[in-house]
Amino acid sequence: MGRIIKALVLLVIIGFIGLAGYAYLGDLSPVQGEVTKPVVLNAD
């Protein structure tokens, strides 16, 4: 039973390190572009 818990803790730690590494090194920046949209005002 102790081996399973140790293996599970090890997998969680490796997963956390992988997720943190991807967050720092991965390209997570959004695509930027200009958006133009006409505005119609109903001012009487």
PDB file of N, CA and C in Angstrom:
ATOM      1  N   MET A   1       0.826  -1.205   0.000  1.00  0.00           N
ATOM      2  CA  MET A   1       0.000   0.000   0.000  1.00  0.00           C
ATOM      3  C   MET A   1       0.861   1.256   0.000  1.00  0.00           C
ATOM      4  N   GLY A   2       1.972   1.207   0.708  1.00  0.00           N
ATOM      5  CA  GLY A   2       2.871   2.346   0.769  1.00  0.00           C
ATOM      6  C   GLY A   2       3.513   2.647  -0.579  1.00  0.00           C
ATOM      7  N   ARG A   3       3.777   1.610  -1.375  1.00  0.00           N
ATOM      8  CA  ARG A   3       4.351   1.812  -2.703  1.00  0.00           C
ATOM      9  C   ARG A   3       3.386   2.559  -3.612  1.00  0.00           C
ATOM     10  N   ILE A   4       2.118   2.244  -3.514  1.00  0.00           N
ATOM     11  CA  ILE A   4       1.121   2.905  -4.361  1.00  0.00           C
ATOM     12  C   ILE A   4       1.030   4.389  -4.008  1.00  0.00           C
ATOM     13  N   ILE A   5       1.046   4.700  -2.741  1.00  0.00           N
ATOM     14  CA  ILE A   5       0.970   6.099  -2.305  1.00  0.00           C
ATOM     15  C   ILE A   5       2.228   6.852  -2.739  1.00  0.00           C
ATOM     16  N   LYS A   6       3.398   6.240  -2.598  1.00  0.00           N
ATOM     17  CA  LYS A   6       4.639   6.884  -3.035  1.00  0.00           C
ATOM     18  C   LYS A   6       4.617   7.118  -4.546  1.00  0.00           C
ATOM     19  N   ALA A   7       4.152   6.139  -5.298  1.00  0.00           N
ATOM     20  CA  ALA A   7       4.084   6.290  -6.752  1.00  0.00           C
ATOM     21  C   ALA A   7       3.101   7.380  -7.134  1.00  0.00           C
ATOM     22  N   LEU A   8       1.984   7.460  -6.444  1.00  0.00           N
ATOM     23  CA  LEU A   8       0.986   8.488  -6.723  1.00  0.00           C
ATOM     24  C   LEU A   8       1.530   9.878  -6.400  1.00  0.00           C
ATOM     25  N   VAL A   9       2.210  10.017  -5.285  1.00  0.00           N
ATOM     26  CA  VAL A   9       2.810  11.300  -4.917  1.00  0.00           C
ATOM     27  C   VAL A   9       3.880  11.686  -5.937  1.00  0.00           C
ATOM     28  N   LEU A  10       4.669  10.757  -6.382  1.00  0.00           N
ATOM     29  CA  LEU A  10       5.692  11.011  -7.387  1.00  0.00           C
ATOM     30  C   LEU A  10       5.060  11.462  -8.705  1.00  0.00           C
ATOM     31  N   LEU A  11       3.982  10.831  -9.122  1.00  0.00           N
ATOM     32  CA  LEU A  11       3.297  11.226 -10.355  1.00  0.00           C
ATOM     33  C   LEU A  11       2.690  12.617 -10.235  1.00  0.00           C
ATOM     34  N   VAL A  12       2.157  12.950  -9.086  1.00  0.00           N
ATOM     35  CA  VAL A  12       1.594  14.288  -8.874  1.00  0.00           C
ATOM     36  C   VAL A  12       2.699  15.337  -8.940  1.00  0.00           C
ATOM     37  N   ILE A  13       3.835  15.062  -8.332  1.00  0.00           N
ATOM     38  CA  ILE A  13       4.956  16.010  -8.355  1.00  0.00           C
ATOM     39  C   ILE A  13       5.477  16.175  -9.782  1.00  0.00           C
ATOM     40  N   ILE A  14       5.649  15.084 -10.508  1.00  0.00           N
ATOM     41  CA  ILE A  14       6.113  15.163 -11.898  1.00  0.00           C
ATOM     42  C   ILE A  14       5.102  15.912 -12.757  1.00  0.00           C
ATOM     43  N   GLY A  15       3.821  15.674 -12.539  1.00  0.00           N
ATOM     44  CA  GLY A  15       2.793  16.385 -13.288  1.00  0.00           C
ATOM     45  C   GLY A  15       2.798  17.869 -12.996  1.00  0.00           C
ATOM     46  N   PHE A  16       2.996  18.239 -11.744  1.00  0.00           N
ATOM     47  CA  PHE A  16       3.055  19.657 -11.379  1.00  0.00           C
ATOM     48  C   PHE A  16       4.266  20.336 -12.001  1.00  0.00           C
ATOM     49  N   ILE A  17       5.411  19.666 -11.987  1.00  0.00           N
ATOM     50  CA  ILE A  17       6.617  20.224 -12.605  1.00  0.00           C
ATOM     51  C   ILE A  17       6.408  20.377 -14.110  1.00  0.00           C
ATOM     52  N   GLY A  18       5.789  19.409 -14.740  1.00  0.00           N
ATOM     53  CA  GLY A  18       5.515  19.497 -16.173  1.00  0.00           C
ATOM     54  C   GLY A  18       4.557  20.623 -16.497  1.00  0.00           C
ATOM     55  N   LEU A  19       3.534  20.789 -15.702  1.00  0.00           N
ATOM     56  CA  LEU A  19       2.564  21.870 -15.923  1.00  0.00           C
ATOM     57  C   LEU A  19       3.206  23.238 -15.710  1.00  0.00           C
ATOM     58  N   ALA A  20       4.008  23.377 -14.694  1.00  0.00           N
ATOM     59  CA  ALA A  20       4.697  24.643 -14.445  1.00  0.00           C
ATOM     60  C   ALA A  20       5.693  24.938 -15.563  1.00  0.00           C
ATOM     61  N   GLY A  21       6.397  23.936 -16.032  1.00  0.00           N
ATOM     62  CA  GLY A  21       7.338  24.120 -17.131  1.00  0.00           C
ATOM     63  C   GLY A  21       6.630  24.541 -18.407  1.00  0.00           C
ATOM     64  N   TYR A  22       5.499  23.945 -18.693  1.00  0.00           N
ATOM     65  CA  TYR A  22       4.743  24.324 -19.886  1.00  0.00           C
ATOM     66  C   TYR A  22       4.200  25.741 -19.765  1.00  0.00           C
ATOM     67  N   ALA A  23       3.782  26.136 -18.579  1.00  0.00           N
ATOM     68  CA  ALA A  23       3.251  27.481 -18.381  1.00  0.00           C
ATOM     69  C   ALA A  23       4.346  28.528 -18.575  1.00  0.00           C
ATOM     70  N   TYR A  24       5.564  28.221 -18.153  1.00  0.00           N
ATOM     71  CA  TYR A  24       6.653  29.190 -18.295  1.00  0.00           C
ATOM     72  C   TYR A  24       7.274  29.161 -19.691  1.00  0.00           C
ATOM     73  N   LEU A  25       7.364  27.993 -20.297  1.00  0.00           N
ATOM     74  CA  LEU A  25       8.080  27.863 -21.566  1.00  0.00           C
ATOM     75  C   LEU A  25       7.155  27.762 -22.776  1.00  0.00           C
ATOM     76  N   GLY A  26       5.899  27.407 -22.570  1.00  0.00           N
ATOM     77  CA  GLY A  26       4.974  27.271 -23.677  1.00  0.00           C
ATOM     78  C   GLY A  26       4.526  28.619 -24.200  1.00  0.00           C
ATOM     79  N   ASP A  27       4.069  28.635 -25.440  1.00  0.00           N
ATOM     80  CA  ASP A  27       3.595  29.880 -26.041  1.00  0.00           C
ATOM     81  C   ASP A  27       2.115  30.038 -25.719  1.00  0.00           C
ATOM     82  N   LEU A  28       1.824  30.802 -24.669  1.00  0.00           N
ATOM     83  CA  LEU A  28       0.448  30.972 -24.227  1.00  0.00           C
ATOM     84  C   LEU A  28      -0.097  32.358 -24.557  1.00  0.00           C
ATOM     85  N   SER A  29       0.632  33.114 -25.379  1.00  0.00           N
ATOM     86  CA  SER A  29       0.176  34.466 -25.694  1.00  0.00           C
ATOM     87  C   SER A  29      -0.964  34.412 -26.709  1.00  0.00           C
ATOM     88  N   PRO A  30      -1.970  35.257 -26.558  1.00  0.00           N
ATOM     89  CA  PRO A  30      -3.099  35.254 -27.484  1.00  0.00           C
ATOM     90  C   PRO A  30      -2.718  35.903 -28.815  1.00  0.00           C
ATOM     91  N   VAL A  31      -3.449  35.535 -29.849  1.00  0.00           N
ATOM     92  CA  VAL A  31      -3.251  36.136 -31.156  1.00  0.00           C
ATOM     93  C   VAL A  31      -3.888  37.521 -31.138  1.00  0.00           C
ATOM     94  N   GLN A  32      -3.116  38.523 -31.546  1.00  0.00           N
ATOM     95  CA  GLN A  32      -3.613  39.887 -31.504  1.00  0.00           C
ATOM     96  C   GLN A  32      -3.901  40.366 -32.917  1.00  0.00           C
ATOM     97  N   GLY A  33      -4.974  41.126 -33.039  1.00  0.00           N
ATOM     98  CA  GLY A  33      -5.329  41.699 -34.324  1.00  0.00           C
ATOM     99  C   GLY A  33      -6.265  42.867 -34.125  1.00  0.00           C
ATOM    100  N   GLU A  34      -6.323  43.734 -35.122  1.00  0.00           N
ATOM    101  CA  GLU A  34      -7.185  44.903 -35.024  1.00  0.00           C
ATOM    102  C   GLU A  34      -8.606  44.523 -35.414  1.00  0.00           C
ATOM    103  N   VAL A  35      -9.561  44.979 -34.627  1.00  0.00           N
ATOM    104  CA  VAL A  35     -10.970  44.697 -34.885  1.00  0.00           C
ATOM    105  C   VAL A  35     -11.699  46.024 -35.023  1.00  0.00           C
ATOM    106  N   THR A  36     -12.379  46.202 -36.135  1.00  0.00           N
ATOM    107  CA  THR A  36     -13.181  47.410 -36.332  1.00  0.00           C
ATOM    108  C   THR A  36     -14.626  46.997 -36.551  1.00  0.00           C
ATOM    109  N   LYS A  37     -15.534  47.696 -35.883  1.00  0.00           N
ATOM    110  CA  LYS A  37     -16.948  47.371 -35.976  1.00  0.00           C
ATOM    111  C   LYS A  37     -17.728  48.673 -35.923  1.00  0.00           C
ATOM    112  N   PRO A  38     -18.595  48.925 -36.900  1.00  0.00           N
ATOM    113  CA  PRO A  38     -19.362  50.169 -36.878  1.00  0.00           C
ATOM    114  C   PRO A  38     -20.389  50.173 -35.752  1.00  0.00           C
ATOM    115  N   VAL A  39     -20.626  51.362 -35.217  1.00  0.00           N
ATOM    116  CA  VAL A  39     -21.588  51.522 -34.139  1.00  0.00           C
ATOM    117  C   VAL A  39     -22.737  52.382 -34.646  1.00  0.00           C
ATOM    118  N   VAL A  40     -23.967  51.895 -34.482  1.00  0.00           N
ATOM    119  CA  VAL A  40     -25.150  52.641 -34.897  1.00  0.00           C
ATOM    120  C   VAL A  40     -25.818  53.190 -33.646  1.00  0.00           C
ATOM    121  N   LEU A  41     -25.983  54.518 -33.571  1.00  0.00           N
ATOM    122  CA  LEU A  41     -26.608  55.150 -32.427  1.00  0.00           C
ATOM    123  C   LEU A  41     -28.010  55.588 -32.821  1.00  0.00           C
ATOM    124  N   ASN A  42     -28.989  55.281 -31.997  1.00  0.00           N
ATOM    125  CA  ASN A  42     -30.378  55.682 -32.241  1.00  0.00           C
ATOM    126  C   ASN A  42     -30.700  56.933 -31.431  1.00  0.00           C
ATOM    127  N   ALA A  43     -30.053  58.024 -31.780  1.00  0.00           N
ATOM    128  CA  ALA A  43     -30.281  59.290 -31.081  1.00  0.00           C
ATOM    129  C   ALA A  43     -31.274  60.110 -31.900  1.00  0.00           C
ATOM    130  N   ASP A  44     -32.452  60.348 -31.374  1.00  0.00           N
ATOM    131  CA  ASP A  44     -33.475  61.114 -32.081  1.00  0.00           C
ATOM    132  C   ASP A  44     -33.561  62.518 -31.566  1.00  0.00           C
TER     133      ASP A  44
END
